[in-house]
N, C-alpha and C. Protein backbone atom coordinates (compact mmCIF):
# COMPACT_ATOMS: atom_id res chain seq x y z
N MET A 1 -177.19 109.46 232.19
CA MET A 1 -176.27 109.37 231.09
C MET A 1 -176.69 107.72 230.52
N GLU A 2 -176.85 107.63 229.19
CA GLU A 2 -176.70 106.06 228.49
C GLU A 2 -175.81 105.55 228.14
N ALA A 3 -175.77 104.39 228.26
CA ALA A 3 -174.61 103.76 227.29
C ALA A 3 -174.82 102.70 226.82
N TYR A 4 -174.16 102.08 225.53
CA TYR A 4 -174.78 100.71 225.39
C TYR A 4 -174.23 99.18 225.91
N CYS A 5 -175.03 98.47 226.24
CA CYS A 5 -174.91 97.29 226.97
C CYS A 5 -174.48 96.56 226.08
N VAL A 6 -173.57 95.33 226.08
CA VAL A 6 -173.18 94.80 224.88
C VAL A 6 -173.73 93.19 225.20
N LYS A 7 -174.13 93.11 226.58
CA LYS A 7 -175.32 92.18 226.85
C LYS A 7 -176.55 91.74 226.50
N CYS A 8 -177.04 93.11 226.63
CA CYS A 8 -178.60 93.64 226.43
C CYS A 8 -178.41 93.96 224.78
N LYS A 9 -177.54 94.22 224.26
CA LYS A 9 -177.48 94.81 222.99
C LYS A 9 -178.23 96.12 222.66
N ALA A 10 -178.37 96.57 223.72
CA ALA A 10 -179.09 97.85 223.88
C ALA A 10 -178.65 99.00 224.46
N SER A 11 -179.27 100.74 224.13
CA SER A 11 -178.49 101.51 224.89
C SER A 11 -179.45 101.34 226.39
N LYS A 12 -178.80 101.59 227.61
CA LYS A 12 -179.31 101.67 228.94
C LYS A 12 -179.32 102.67 229.64
N GLU A 13 -179.92 103.26 230.41
CA GLU A 13 -179.70 104.23 231.73
C GLU A 13 -178.97 103.88 232.87
N MET A 14 -177.78 104.15 232.69
CA MET A 14 -176.68 103.93 233.65
C MET A 14 -177.11 103.65 235.05
N LYS A 15 -176.99 103.04 235.86
CA LYS A 15 -177.19 102.46 237.30
C LYS A 15 -175.77 102.73 238.22
N GLU A 16 -176.00 103.64 239.08
CA GLU A 16 -174.53 104.03 240.04
C GLU A 16 -173.83 104.86 239.13
N ALA A 17 -174.04 105.44 238.30
CA ALA A 17 -173.13 106.17 237.52
C ALA A 17 -172.09 107.28 238.17
N GLN A 18 -171.06 107.27 237.87
CA GLN A 18 -169.96 107.98 238.26
C GLN A 18 -168.78 108.74 237.38
N LYS A 19 -168.62 109.82 237.61
CA LYS A 19 -167.95 110.65 236.20
C LYS A 19 -166.37 110.08 236.92
N VAL A 20 -165.24 109.66 236.29
CA VAL A 20 -164.11 109.35 236.32
C VAL A 20 -163.44 109.77 235.48
N THR A 21 -161.74 109.77 235.55
CA THR A 21 -160.65 110.36 234.89
C THR A 21 -159.97 108.90 233.83
N MET A 22 -159.59 109.06 232.51
CA MET A 22 -159.03 107.90 232.52
C MET A 22 -157.56 108.62 232.46
N LYS A 23 -156.39 107.51 232.05
CA LYS A 23 -155.56 107.56 232.21
C LYS A 23 -154.75 108.69 231.36
N ASN A 24 -155.35 108.92 230.24
CA ASN A 24 -155.05 109.79 229.01
C ASN A 24 -155.63 111.25 229.07
N GLY A 25 -156.49 111.32 230.46
CA GLY A 25 -156.74 112.76 231.13
C GLY A 25 -158.28 112.80 230.61
N ARG A 26 -159.09 112.10 229.91
CA ARG A 26 -160.05 112.00 229.58
C ARG A 26 -160.97 111.87 230.18
N PRO A 27 -162.19 112.59 230.13
CA PRO A 27 -163.26 112.09 231.19
C PRO A 27 -163.95 111.43 230.80
N ALA A 28 -164.74 110.26 231.48
CA ALA A 28 -165.58 108.81 231.14
C ALA A 28 -166.78 109.01 232.40
N MET A 29 -168.14 108.17 232.20
CA MET A 29 -168.83 107.57 232.90
C MET A 29 -168.55 106.07 233.03
N LYS A 30 -168.89 106.06 234.66
CA LYS A 30 -168.61 104.55 234.89
C LYS A 30 -169.82 104.07 235.61
N GLY A 31 -170.29 103.09 235.18
CA GLY A 31 -171.62 102.45 235.99
C GLY A 31 -172.03 101.08 235.64
N LYS A 32 -173.05 100.74 236.29
CA LYS A 32 -173.58 98.97 235.60
C LYS A 32 -175.44 99.37 234.72
N CYS A 33 -175.26 98.21 234.47
CA CYS A 33 -177.01 98.49 233.71
C CYS A 33 -177.62 97.53 234.84
N PRO A 34 -178.86 98.64 234.66
CA PRO A 34 -179.65 98.37 235.60
C PRO A 34 -180.25 96.54 235.11
N ASP A 35 -180.46 96.38 233.92
CA ASP A 35 -181.05 94.79 233.73
C ASP A 35 -179.97 93.93 234.35
N CYS A 36 -179.27 93.66 233.43
CA CYS A 36 -178.08 92.56 233.91
C CYS A 36 -176.69 92.55 234.73
N GLY A 37 -176.38 94.30 234.96
CA GLY A 37 -175.75 94.06 235.97
C GLY A 37 -173.90 94.67 235.50
N THR A 38 -174.20 94.40 233.99
CA THR A 38 -172.98 94.55 233.60
C THR A 38 -172.35 96.20 233.67
N GLY A 39 -170.94 96.18 233.69
CA GLY A 39 -170.29 97.34 233.45
C GLY A 39 -170.51 98.21 232.41
N LEU A 40 -170.75 99.11 232.62
CA LEU A 40 -171.11 100.22 231.33
C LEU A 40 -169.89 101.37 231.57
N TYR A 41 -169.49 101.80 230.21
CA TYR A 41 -168.47 102.69 230.35
C TYR A 41 -169.01 103.69 228.96
N ARG A 42 -168.97 105.12 228.98
CA ARG A 42 -169.05 105.86 228.36
C ARG A 42 -167.84 107.32 228.55
N ILE A 43 -167.60 107.40 227.12
CA ILE A 43 -166.36 108.37 226.95
C ILE A 43 -166.75 109.84 226.89
N LEU A 44 -166.71 110.61 227.46
CA LEU A 44 -166.95 111.67 227.35
C LEU A 44 -165.86 112.91 226.75
N ALA A 45 -166.78 114.20 225.87
CA ALA A 45 -166.31 114.78 225.43
C ALA A 45 -165.31 115.69 226.28
N LYS A 46 -164.03 116.08 225.14
CA LYS A 46 -163.01 116.90 225.76
C LYS A 46 -163.54 118.01 226.43
N SER A 47 -163.36 118.51 227.75
CA SER A 47 -163.73 120.22 227.96
C SER A 47 -162.33 121.37 228.23
C-alpha cells in the first residue's frame, strides 16, 4: 500500500502496514516510511 510521506515529499510503499479503524468507523492503513521512518496514514474507501 502506498501513502504520501510529507518529509520525503513523495509517495512511498508503507513498511509495517496494518489495517486500523478510525473513531468514525472508517478503515485506514497505518505504517512507516521505509526511508525516513515517518508515520504514514492512508484512509481507505468505505466498504
